[in-house]
Amino acid sequence: KVQKLNMYPLSFKEFLIAIGRENLIPEIQKHFESNERMDKDIHELCLKLYRTYLIIGGMPAVVQMYLDEKKIISSIDVQAEILSDYQRDMTKYADNSLSNKIMASFDSIPVQLAKDNQKFQYKVVSRGGTSGIFGEAIDWLKNGGIVYQVYKVNPQIPLEMYKDLSSFKLYMNDVGLFVNKAGYPLYQIDLNEQPTMISMGPLTEHFVAGELKKKGYELYYWESAGKAELDFVIQKDADIIPIEVKTNIHVKARSLDVYMKTYKPHYAIRISEKNFGFENNIKSAIAVTDREASVSYKGYNSEIEEGSTYSGVFTFLFLFIAILSVATTMNRFVKKQRLQIGTLKALGFKNKKIIKHYVGYGFYISLFASLLGILLGDL
């Protein structure tokens, strides 16, 4: 049996662990669950690290470079190298015609998200572009895990049955790579403060899309006849949860209000730089992915547990077979040696000494095999 696992860039939680700030994780989770405001100094520290993560992202090589050099700017070259590797793969694993369409679609993502209407439009990729021309390229990027496809949905259970296949957005698989791809000069910005002169919306949306995907959620968004749009909608068991993404502490938004009045969900989540809280059935939060909730982590952990179970069963089985084989062999051997045993007893040898002699055959073989297993078992 072959089990495939989807690997993702580091989540914000895993990033905190990597940089030695894991002490903040239970603090963030505690305030998220209790809806209590976090201490101002701790909240500002979390926001600074969150902004750092927006720039660096979660690619392991990029995070490692940041840890080694202690400078954000050092990670830029590694990000650029990863993006170049993506392009090389596009030409390596697709023919010339398809690879050109893949690269054109990929290169259009920053432009697509800069529009007021962020819906992916084929004509932005190329004049006269259609799904028939670029559809295969989008599928290639999605199946390769390079982008996340977020479909427009009519919020009914199950969401998958009510998505609009013709309306979708594309986000890159890592917010740090998007920063590099779009040319954001964020490494020049003071991370102690919220950037004000730069469009942070696409970055924050990339962050939330990545965190949700790592939790195993399928991604959707909601739109109401072009009048209101909600960044993300997810299905959690039998509940549909709307998620609004804001770039700063100013959180007034008409779209979420329209959704809440129309569909009356149990609660909504707002991801922003505002402190934690719960007001008007809206939960304010910074997104932190719990590693144990990650689909890939759960699948990998399940495989390890399954392997441990099998190893215990097979160990007992092989040991039982070995004991049975030794016992059967010794039984036959003793039966064939009856004449010799009788002679030894006639000559005055005691039963104890004769038994010790024949038991020694199996004992020394088992002892040798056990020592060999102890010495070579970890190889």
Protein backbone atom coordinates (compact mmCIF):
# COMPACT_ATOMS: atom_id res chain seq x y z
CA LYS A 1 0.00 0.00 0.00
CA VAL A 2 1.37 3.41 -1.04
CA GLN A 3 0.08 6.45 0.84
CA LYS A 4 0.66 9.86 -0.71
CA LEU A 5 1.23 12.84 1.54
CA ASN A 6 0.81 16.48 0.57
CA MET A 7 3.73 18.53 1.86
CA TYR A 8 3.29 22.25 2.48
CA PRO A 9 5.54 25.17 3.45
CA LEU A 10 5.89 25.83 7.18
CA SER A 11 2.78 27.26 8.80
CA PHE A 12 3.03 30.34 11.00
CA LYS A 13 3.05 28.07 14.05
CA GLU A 14 5.89 25.98 12.65
CA PHE A 15 7.72 29.20 11.77
CA LEU A 16 7.45 30.31 15.41
CA ILE A 17 8.88 26.95 16.50
CA ALA A 18 11.73 27.26 13.98
CA ILE A 19 12.80 30.70 15.24
CA GLY A 20 12.55 29.71 18.90
CA ARG A 21 9.32 31.54 19.71
CA GLU A 22 7.18 28.49 20.45
CA ASN A 23 6.29 30.02 23.83
CA LEU A 24 3.90 32.35 21.97
CA ILE A 25 1.85 29.50 20.47
CA PRO A 26 -0.12 28.50 23.61
CA GLU A 27 -0.60 32.20 24.35
CA ILE A 28 -2.15 32.82 20.91
CA GLN A 29 -4.30 29.70 21.10
CA LYS A 30 -5.48 30.55 24.61
CA HIS A 31 -6.71 34.00 23.55
CA PHE A 32 -8.26 32.63 20.37
CA GLU A 33 -10.29 30.10 22.33
CA SER A 34 -11.21 32.42 25.21
CA ASN A 35 -11.79 35.54 23.04
CA GLU A 36 -9.88 37.56 25.65
CA ARG A 37 -7.65 40.46 24.66
CA MET A 38 -3.94 39.74 24.63
CA ASP A 39 -1.44 41.87 26.53
CA LYS A 40 -0.50 44.82 24.29
CA ASP A 41 3.26 44.16 24.30
CA ILE A 42 2.82 40.47 23.52
CA HIS A 43 0.29 41.27 20.80
CA GLU A 44 2.69 43.73 19.16
CA LEU A 45 5.46 41.13 19.27
CA CYS A 46 3.14 38.57 17.61
CA LEU A 47 2.27 41.11 14.91
CA LYS A 48 5.94 41.82 14.22
CA LEU A 49 6.65 38.11 13.82
CA TYR A 50 3.52 37.76 11.67
CA ARG A 51 4.79 40.53 9.36
CA THR A 52 8.17 38.83 9.25
CA TYR A 53 6.47 35.59 8.20
CA LEU A 54 4.58 37.44 5.45
CA ILE A 55 7.92 38.39 3.90
CA ILE A 56 9.89 35.21 4.52
CA GLY A 57 7.11 32.68 4.09
CA GLY A 58 7.41 29.03 5.03
CA MET A 59 9.76 27.47 2.49
CA PRO A 60 12.25 25.51 4.65
CA ALA A 61 15.35 26.68 2.73
CA VAL A 62 14.24 30.32 3.03
CA VAL A 63 13.53 30.01 6.75
CA GLN A 64 16.90 28.32 7.28
CA MET A 65 18.70 31.16 5.48
CA TYR A 66 16.88 33.66 7.70
CA LEU A 67 17.95 31.71 10.80
CA ASP A 68 21.56 31.53 9.60
CA GLU A 69 21.94 35.16 8.52
CA LYS A 70 19.44 36.84 10.89
CA LYS A 71 18.51 39.18 8.04
CA ILE A 72 15.31 39.21 6.02
CA ILE A 73 17.07 40.44 2.90
CA SER A 74 19.20 37.27 2.88
CA SER A 75 16.12 35.19 2.11
CA ILE A 76 15.31 37.02 -1.13
CA ASP A 77 17.89 35.18 -3.23
CA VAL A 78 16.67 31.79 -1.97
CA GLN A 79 13.08 32.70 -2.84
CA ALA A 80 14.19 33.78 -6.32
CA GLU A 81 16.03 30.48 -6.76
CA ILE A 82 12.91 28.50 -5.83
CA LEU A 83 10.85 30.50 -8.33
CA SER A 84 13.49 29.77 -10.99
CA ASP A 85 13.26 26.07 -10.11
CA TYR A 86 9.49 26.29 -10.66
CA GLN A 87 10.06 27.72 -14.13
CA ARG A 88 12.60 25.02 -14.96
CA ASP A 89 10.08 22.37 -13.93
CA MET A 90 7.45 23.99 -16.12
CA THR A 91 9.67 23.59 -19.17
CA LYS A 92 10.96 20.16 -18.13
CA TYR A 93 7.66 18.42 -17.43
CA ALA A 94 5.48 19.97 -20.15
CA ASP A 95 5.86 20.41 -23.89
CA ASN A 96 6.78 23.83 -25.31
CA SER A 97 3.21 24.93 -26.03
CA LEU A 98 1.85 23.97 -22.61
CA SER A 99 4.89 25.25 -20.69
CA ASN A 100 4.49 28.71 -22.22
CA LYS A 101 0.84 28.79 -21.12
CA ILE A 102 1.78 27.56 -17.62
CA MET A 103 4.40 30.28 -17.19
CA ALA A 104 2.09 32.97 -18.57
CA SER A 105 -0.70 31.93 -16.17
CA PHE A 106 1.71 31.80 -13.24
CA ASP A 107 3.22 35.19 -14.07
CA SER A 108 -0.25 36.76 -14.19
CA ILE A 109 -1.14 35.96 -10.55
CA PRO A 110 0.13 39.28 -9.06
CA VAL A 111 -1.76 41.21 -11.75
CA GLN A 112 -4.92 39.15 -11.22
CA LEU A 113 -4.92 39.89 -7.47
CA ALA A 114 -4.21 43.59 -7.95
CA LYS A 115 -7.56 44.06 -9.72
CA ASP A 116 -10.65 45.22 -7.86
CA ASN A 117 -12.27 42.02 -9.10
CA GLN A 118 -9.74 39.36 -8.14
CA LYS A 119 -11.48 36.63 -10.10
CA PHE A 120 -8.99 34.93 -12.42
CA GLN A 121 -9.52 36.24 -15.93
CA TYR A 122 -7.95 34.43 -18.87
CA LYS A 123 -7.88 37.63 -20.94
CA VAL A 124 -5.42 39.09 -18.40
CA VAL A 125 -3.01 36.27 -19.22
CA SER A 126 -3.28 36.93 -22.95
CA ARG A 127 -5.62 38.91 -25.15
CA GLY A 128 -8.33 36.56 -26.34
CA GLY A 129 -7.46 34.02 -23.65
CA THR A 130 -10.10 31.44 -22.70
CA SER A 131 -10.45 28.44 -20.43
CA GLY A 132 -10.00 26.24 -23.47
CA ILE A 133 -6.56 27.76 -24.05
CA PHE A 134 -5.30 28.10 -20.47
CA GLY A 135 -7.42 25.58 -18.54
CA GLU A 136 -4.84 22.80 -18.79
CA ALA A 137 -2.13 25.17 -17.60
CA ILE A 138 -4.15 26.08 -14.50
CA ASP A 139 -4.71 22.39 -13.76
CA TRP A 140 -0.96 21.75 -14.09
CA LEU A 141 -0.15 24.49 -11.56
CA LYS A 142 -2.83 23.28 -9.16
CA ASN A 143 -1.91 19.59 -9.40
CA GLY A 144 1.74 20.49 -8.90
CA GLY A 145 0.90 22.21 -5.61
CA ILE A 146 2.25 25.53 -6.88
CA VAL A 147 -1.05 27.37 -6.58
CA TYR A 148 -4.27 27.09 -4.60
CA GLN A 149 -7.52 27.42 -6.52
CA VAL A 150 -10.33 29.12 -4.59
CA TYR A 151 -13.78 28.68 -6.13
CA LYS A 152 -16.75 30.98 -5.81
CA VAL A 153 -19.50 29.17 -3.90
CA ASN A 154 -23.15 29.35 -2.99
CA PRO A 155 -22.95 28.72 0.79
CA GLN A 156 -24.90 25.49 1.16
CA ILE A 157 -23.88 22.14 2.66
CA PRO A 158 -21.83 20.53 1.19
CA LEU A 159 -19.88 23.42 -0.32
CA GLU A 160 -18.18 21.21 -2.89
CA MET A 161 -21.50 20.60 -4.62
CA TYR A 162 -22.29 24.30 -4.91
CA LYS A 163 -19.03 25.75 -6.22
CA ASP A 164 -18.93 27.71 -9.48
CA LEU A 165 -16.32 26.04 -11.67
CA SER A 166 -16.11 29.08 -13.94
CA SER A 167 -15.28 31.58 -11.17
CA PHE A 168 -12.14 31.21 -9.11
CA LYS A 169 -9.06 32.96 -7.72
CA LEU A 170 -5.49 31.71 -7.71
CA TYR A 171 -3.07 32.10 -4.80
CA MET A 172 0.54 30.94 -4.73
CA ASN A 173 1.42 28.16 -2.30
CA ASP A 174 3.68 30.39 -0.19
CA VAL A 175 3.19 34.01 0.83
CA GLY A 176 6.95 34.66 0.84
CA LEU A 177 7.29 33.50 -2.75
CA PHE A 178 4.39 35.78 -3.70
CA VAL A 179 6.16 38.73 -2.06
CA ASN A 180 9.20 37.99 -4.22
CA LYS A 181 7.18 37.32 -7.35
CA ALA A 182 5.19 40.55 -7.00
CA GLY A 183 8.27 42.61 -6.14
CA TYR A 184 7.11 43.90 -2.76
CA PRO A 185 9.94 45.97 -1.19
CA LEU A 186 8.91 44.83 2.28
CA TYR A 187 12.46 44.09 3.42
CA GLN A 188 12.94 47.89 3.58
CA ILE A 189 9.98 48.40 5.92
CA ASP A 190 9.98 48.74 9.72
CA LEU A 191 8.17 45.59 10.84
CA ASN A 192 7.25 47.17 14.15
CA GLU A 193 4.55 49.11 12.34
CA GLN A 194 1.77 48.27 9.90
CA PRO A 195 2.83 49.18 6.31
CA THR A 196 0.52 51.92 5.01
CA MET A 197 1.80 52.75 1.54
CA ILE A 198 1.64 49.23 0.14
CA SER A 199 -1.34 47.08 -0.85
CA MET A 200 -1.21 44.41 1.84
CA GLY A 201 -4.52 42.75 0.95
CA PRO A 202 -3.13 40.06 -1.40
CA LEU A 203 -0.39 39.20 1.12
CA THR A 204 -2.82 38.72 3.98
CA GLU A 205 -5.11 36.64 1.76
CA HIS A 206 -2.15 34.46 0.74
CA PHE A 207 -1.34 33.95 4.41
CA VAL A 208 -4.88 32.89 5.30
CA ALA A 209 -5.23 30.66 2.23
CA GLY A 210 -2.04 28.85 3.17
CA GLU A 211 -3.02 28.39 6.82
CA LEU A 212 -6.45 27.02 5.89
CA LYS A 213 -5.01 24.69 3.26
CA LYS A 214 -2.52 23.28 5.77
CA LYS A 215 -5.45 22.53 8.07
CA GLY A 216 -7.02 20.47 5.29
CA TYR A 217 -9.85 22.83 4.34
CA GLU A 218 -11.03 23.22 0.78
CA LEU A 219 -11.00 26.89 -0.17
CA TYR A 220 -13.99 28.87 -1.40
CA TYR A 221 -15.08 32.49 -1.54
CA TRP A 222 -18.50 34.16 -1.66
CA GLU A 223 -19.80 36.97 -3.81
CA SER A 224 -23.21 38.59 -3.97
CA ALA A 225 -23.96 39.88 -7.48
CA GLY A 226 -20.83 41.99 -7.44
CA LYS A 227 -22.07 44.02 -4.46
CA ALA A 228 -20.37 42.16 -1.63
CA GLU A 229 -17.50 39.68 -1.50
CA LEU A 230 -16.15 37.54 1.32
CA ASP A 231 -12.54 36.42 1.10
CA PHE A 232 -12.99 32.83 2.28
CA VAL A 233 -15.75 30.40 3.20
CA ILE A 234 -14.97 27.01 4.70
CA GLN A 235 -16.98 24.01 5.78
CA LYS A 236 -16.26 22.65 9.26
CA ASP A 237 -18.32 19.52 9.83
CA ALA A 238 -21.92 20.67 9.32
CA ASP A 239 -21.15 24.39 9.73
CA ILE A 240 -20.24 26.94 7.09
CA ILE A 241 -17.85 29.54 8.50
CA PRO A 242 -17.28 32.86 6.72
CA ILE A 243 -13.78 34.33 7.05
CA GLU A 244 -13.01 37.95 6.42
CA VAL A 245 -9.43 39.10 5.90
CA LYS A 246 -8.39 42.63 6.83
CA THR A 247 -4.92 44.11 6.55
CA ASN A 248 -4.93 46.29 9.67
CA ILE A 249 -6.91 47.19 12.78
CA HIS A 250 -9.64 48.99 10.82
CA VAL A 251 -12.15 46.18 10.41
CA LYS A 252 -15.40 47.79 9.27
CA ALA A 253 -16.61 45.95 6.21
CA ARG A 254 -19.96 45.80 4.49
CA SER A 255 -19.47 42.37 2.89
CA LEU A 256 -19.34 40.42 6.15
CA ASP A 257 -22.37 42.28 7.45
CA VAL A 258 -24.31 41.38 4.31
CA TYR A 259 -23.31 37.73 4.62
CA MET A 260 -24.20 37.56 8.33
CA LYS A 261 -27.64 39.06 7.76
CA THR A 262 -28.34 36.86 4.73
CA TYR A 263 -27.16 33.45 5.96
CA LYS A 264 -27.03 33.90 9.76
CA PRO A 265 -24.03 31.62 10.49
CA HIS A 266 -23.28 30.59 14.08
CA TYR A 267 -20.22 32.81 14.00
CA ALA A 268 -17.66 34.35 11.64
CA ILE A 269 -13.90 34.78 11.84
CA ARG A 270 -12.06 37.99 11.06
CA ILE A 271 -8.31 37.77 10.49
CA SER A 272 -6.72 41.15 11.13
CA GLU A 273 -4.18 43.00 13.25
CA LYS A 274 -6.89 43.83 15.77
CA ASN A 275 -6.55 42.26 19.20
CA PHE A 276 -8.47 39.09 20.03
CA GLY A 277 -12.15 39.34 20.90
CA PHE A 278 -15.69 38.29 20.08
CA GLU A 279 -18.25 40.89 19.06
CA ASN A 280 -21.49 40.60 17.08
CA ASN A 281 -20.78 36.88 16.50
CA ILE A 282 -17.45 37.77 14.87
CA LYS A 283 -14.25 36.25 16.24
CA SER A 284 -11.10 38.40 15.84
CA ALA A 285 -7.89 36.42 15.51
CA ILE A 286 -4.41 35.85 14.16
CA ALA A 287 -4.37 32.53 12.33
CA VAL A 288 -2.15 29.84 13.81
CA THR A 289 -2.28 26.36 12.29
CA ASP A 290 -2.23 23.54 14.79
CA ARG A 291 0.24 20.98 13.44
CA GLU A 292 -1.85 18.09 14.76
CA ALA A 293 -4.76 19.35 12.64
CA SER A 294 -2.72 19.32 9.45
CA VAL A 295 -3.92 16.67 6.98
CA SER A 296 -0.38 15.74 5.94
CA TYR A 297 0.79 15.55 9.55
CA LYS A 298 -2.17 13.41 10.57
CA GLY A 299 -1.63 11.12 7.58
CA TYR A 300 2.09 10.77 8.31
CA ASN A 301 1.45 10.21 12.02
CA SER A 302 -1.22 7.62 11.20
CA GLU A 303 1.24 5.81 8.96
CA ILE A 304 3.83 5.73 11.76
CA GLU A 305 1.28 4.33 14.21
CA GLU A 306 0.21 1.74 11.65
CA GLY A 307 3.84 0.75 11.14
CA SER A 308 4.36 0.43 14.89
CA THR A 309 1.33 -1.88 15.13
CA TYR A 310 2.54 -4.04 12.26
CA SER A 311 6.07 -4.22 13.69
CA GLY A 312 4.71 -5.50 17.03
CA VAL A 313 2.51 -8.11 15.36
CA PHE A 314 5.21 -9.34 12.97
CA THR A 315 7.83 -9.42 15.71
CA PHE A 316 5.65 -11.73 17.79
CA LEU A 317 4.81 -13.81 14.72
CA PHE A 318 8.43 -14.29 13.66
CA LEU A 319 9.47 -15.06 17.24
CA PHE A 320 6.71 -17.67 17.52
CA ILE A 321 7.78 -19.27 14.21
CA ALA A 322 11.42 -19.31 15.35
CA ILE A 323 10.54 -20.97 18.68
CA LEU A 324 8.34 -23.51 16.89
CA SER A 325 11.09 -24.29 14.39
CA VAL A 326 13.71 -24.78 17.11
CA ALA A 327 11.37 -26.95 19.19
CA THR A 328 10.42 -29.12 16.20
CA THR A 329 14.03 -29.52 15.11
CA MET A 330 15.18 -30.42 18.62
CA ASN A 331 12.32 -32.92 19.02
CA ARG A 332 13.29 -34.73 15.82
CA PHE A 333 16.97 -34.57 16.72
CA VAL A 334 16.37 -36.14 20.16
CA LYS A 335 14.22 -38.91 18.65
CA LYS A 336 17.01 -39.82 16.25
CA GLN A 337 19.50 -39.79 19.12
CA ARG A 338 17.58 -42.25 21.35
CA LEU A 339 20.19 -44.98 20.93
CA GLN A 340 23.01 -42.59 21.87
CA ILE A 341 21.02 -41.24 24.82
CA GLY A 342 20.37 -44.77 26.08
CA THR A 343 24.09 -45.58 25.77
CA LEU A 344 25.03 -42.44 27.71
CA LYS A 345 22.57 -43.34 30.48
CA ALA A 346 23.94 -46.93 30.59
CA LEU A 347 27.42 -45.49 30.99
CA GLY A 348 26.27 -43.58 34.08
CA PHE A 349 25.56 -40.08 32.72
CA LYS A 350 22.83 -38.30 34.67
CA ASN A 351 19.65 -37.03 33.04
CA LYS A 352 20.52 -33.43 33.95
CA LYS A 353 23.80 -33.54 32.06
CA ILE A 354 22.25 -35.22 29.01
CA ILE A 355 19.41 -32.64 28.90
CA LYS A 356 21.92 -29.81 29.22
CA HIS A 357 23.90 -31.25 26.33
CA TYR A 358 20.95 -31.36 23.92
CA VAL A 359 19.34 -28.10 25.08
CA GLY A 360 22.66 -26.42 24.36
CA TYR A 361 22.17 -26.94 20.61
CA GLY A 362 19.11 -24.69 20.52
CA PHE A 363 20.32 -22.32 23.23
CA TYR A 364 23.61 -21.36 21.60
CA ILE A 365 22.01 -20.89 18.19
CA SER A 366 19.32 -18.65 19.74
CA LEU A 367 21.93 -16.74 21.73
CA PHE A 368 24.03 -16.10 18.62
CA ALA A 369 20.98 -14.96 16.62
CA SER A 370 19.83 -12.64 19.44
CA LEU A 371 23.25 -10.97 19.73
CA LEU A 372 23.38 -10.58 15.94
CA GLY A 373 19.93 -8.98 15.96
CA ILE A 374 20.90 -6.54 18.74
CA LEU A 375 24.06 -5.49 16.91
CA LEU A 376 22.60 -5.21 13.42
CA GLY A 377 18.94 -4.39 14.21
CA ASP A 378 19.39 -0.59 13.96
CA LEU A 379 21.21 -0.68 10.61
